[in-house]
Amino acid sequence: MARPSGFLITTSTAHLTERFTRVGPKTLKYQVTVNDPGMYTKPWTAVSYWKAEAKDQIYEYACHEGNEGMPGTLSGYRALQKVDAEAAKKGSR
């Protein structure tokens, strides 16, 4: 049975693949491929380019689900950033 899922109608056999590719310093390419043999005769793909404002910064995203060490890694890095910032204020690093 078909059901709405936000921007398109899919069935329980639907599989969506999303890809984000950095194609420039301030531009991301978003690509989604819909594969739903219960609704469509063949997979189809949509592409959109997203531009960041000049003041914005684009950060890398990686899935860290279940990564128990991530909080420790991030807190260690944040501590290093704090040391660097304090040293920069003093002009000692």
Protein backbone atom coordinates (compact mmCIF):
# COMPACT_ATOMS: atom_id res chain seq x y z
CA MET A 1 0.00 0.00 0.00
CA ALA A 2 1.32 3.43 -0.92
CA ARG A 3 1.89 5.96 1.85
CA PRO A 4 3.04 9.59 1.83
CA SER A 5 6.51 10.12 3.28
CA GLY A 6 6.95 13.86 3.23
CA PHE A 7 7.71 14.92 -0.32
CA LEU A 8 6.83 11.70 -2.19
CA ILE A 9 4.62 8.64 -2.08
CA THR A 10 6.31 5.31 -1.39
CA THR A 11 5.50 1.72 -0.46
CA SER A 12 7.04 -0.53 2.19
CA THR A 13 9.63 -1.64 -0.40
CA ALA A 14 11.10 1.87 -0.73
CA HIS A 15 14.82 2.47 -0.31
CA LEU A 16 16.26 6.00 -0.39
CA THR A 17 19.96 6.72 -0.78
CA GLU A 18 21.16 10.23 0.06
CA ARG A 19 24.57 11.62 -0.83
CA PHE A 20 26.15 14.91 0.16
CA THR A 21 29.19 15.95 -1.86
CA ARG A 22 31.23 19.09 -1.32
CA VAL A 23 31.71 20.54 -4.79
CA GLY A 24 33.14 23.91 -3.77
CA PRO A 25 34.21 25.87 -0.70
CA LYS A 26 30.63 27.01 -0.07
CA THR A 27 28.61 24.54 -2.17
CA LEU A 28 27.13 21.12 -1.37
CA LYS A 29 25.58 18.79 -3.90
CA TYR A 30 22.62 16.89 -2.43
CA GLN A 31 21.58 13.80 -4.35
CA VAL A 32 18.75 11.41 -3.45
CA THR A 33 17.97 8.20 -5.30
CA VAL A 34 14.57 6.60 -4.80
CA ASN A 35 14.32 2.87 -5.44
CA ASP A 36 10.77 1.61 -4.86
CA PRO A 37 9.76 -1.25 -7.15
CA GLY A 38 6.30 -1.22 -5.55
CA MET A 39 5.66 2.32 -6.81
CA TYR A 40 8.05 3.16 -9.67
CA THR A 41 9.18 1.21 -12.73
CA LYS A 42 12.84 2.10 -12.15
CA PRO A 43 14.95 4.03 -9.62
CA TRP A 44 15.12 7.78 -10.08
CA THR A 45 17.47 10.46 -8.78
CA ALA A 46 17.03 14.12 -7.85
CA VAL A 47 19.93 16.56 -7.45
CA SER A 48 20.03 19.93 -5.73
CA TYR A 49 22.93 22.30 -5.05
CA TRP A 50 23.02 24.05 -1.70
CA LYS A 51 25.06 27.23 -1.30
CA ALA A 52 26.19 28.52 2.08
CA GLU A 53 26.12 32.19 2.97
CA ALA A 54 29.53 33.90 2.98
CA LYS A 55 29.45 34.08 6.81
CA ASP A 56 28.59 30.36 7.19
CA GLN A 57 30.99 27.46 7.56
CA ILE A 58 30.29 23.97 6.19
CA TYR A 59 31.25 21.18 8.57
CA GLU A 60 31.88 17.55 7.72
CA TYR A 61 29.21 15.15 8.94
CA ALA A 62 29.85 11.53 9.75
CA CYS A 63 27.50 9.09 11.42
CA HIS A 64 28.73 8.22 14.89
CA GLU A 65 25.75 6.21 16.09
CA GLY A 66 26.85 3.74 18.72
CA ASN A 67 30.34 5.21 18.90
CA GLU A 68 30.85 5.15 22.65
CA GLY A 69 34.23 6.89 22.43
CA MET A 70 32.94 9.97 20.60
CA PRO A 71 32.13 12.08 23.71
CA GLY A 72 35.66 11.56 25.04
CA THR A 73 37.22 12.32 21.67
CA LEU A 74 35.23 15.51 21.28
CA SER A 75 35.83 16.71 24.84
CA GLY A 76 39.58 16.15 24.40
CA TYR A 77 39.58 18.13 21.17
CA ARG A 78 37.50 20.92 22.75
CA ALA A 79 40.07 21.11 25.59
CA LEU A 80 42.87 21.50 23.02
CA GLN A 81 40.91 24.24 21.26
CA LYS A 82 40.49 26.04 24.58
CA VAL A 83 44.25 25.86 25.28
CA ASP A 84 44.99 27.18 21.77
CA ALA A 85 42.52 30.05 22.19
CA GLU A 86 43.96 31.03 25.55
CA ALA A 87 47.51 30.85 24.18
CA ALA A 88 46.51 32.98 21.20
CA LYS A 89 45.15 35.64 23.55
CA LYS A 90 48.49 35.69 25.37
CA GLY A 91 50.45 35.44 22.13
CA SER A 92 52.44 32.48 23.47
CA ARG A 93 51.63 29.72 21.05
